[in-house]
């Protein structure tokens, strides 16, 4: 009888430890909305996490060396780091379906939607988040074609919600840092605009290497050319160069969001 009791105690202790280990990740819920349960979102809102980022990416060709999901992965990962630095901020799922340039549609895998459909998705997401108690909804776009649409959505909703205490913030600083700001940094390091390139060249590829190197095929860099969807030269891309861009984007975006939120805090 004593042996059975002792065995039962040990078994119960092991069960408690296993349950604690299983529950630990749930207790330490992160900032990604996708990874939370609805009670966790409710509790986060009650605890003051009333700011949420809507990251916008895009599914498009990025040359023979880089995955179609470049924008989606990049904006999702950077939004998480931006939210962590801001504090009391969550990150909505990435909007992956966006209007794409006609040139990209020549390459298999690119997905494009109309501007009306895109604006409807972003608007619907913002309305949903407002309904649940988020007070500051921040739009971050990783690609260029839809930036004016993001601005229009924010302006329209802010007019509609005037006086409600809820605001939509279109933060252009994110895209500006990822493009012109990063390009300037690379030029100061000795690279030419032709090398840097606006699409899938040195800048884009370096950023992807720093965010998720598994999405870059180093053995295909030699195939990069305008004919294969690349504008720029990715051959000298590196994690180190990409990290400089990542740091710049996060720094500029966090500062811009804080400035935008300041009047309501």
Foldseek 3Di string as FASTA:
>chain_A
DVVVVVVVVVVVVVVVVVVCVVCVCQVVDAQEPVRHDVVVVLVLLVVQLQEEEAEEFEQFDFFPFFHRRLRQLLRVQLRRVLDVVLDSYHYYHYHHEEADDPVRVVDPTGHYDDLVVVLVVVLVVLVVSVVSRRAEYEYHYQDDPCLVSLVVSQVVVCVVCPPVNHGYHYQCQLNCLLAVVLVVVVVVVPDDCQACFPGNHQSSLLLCCQRPVVRGHLVCQVVDDVVRPGRHRNNPHHPVSNVVSSVRSSVRRSVRVCVVCVVSD
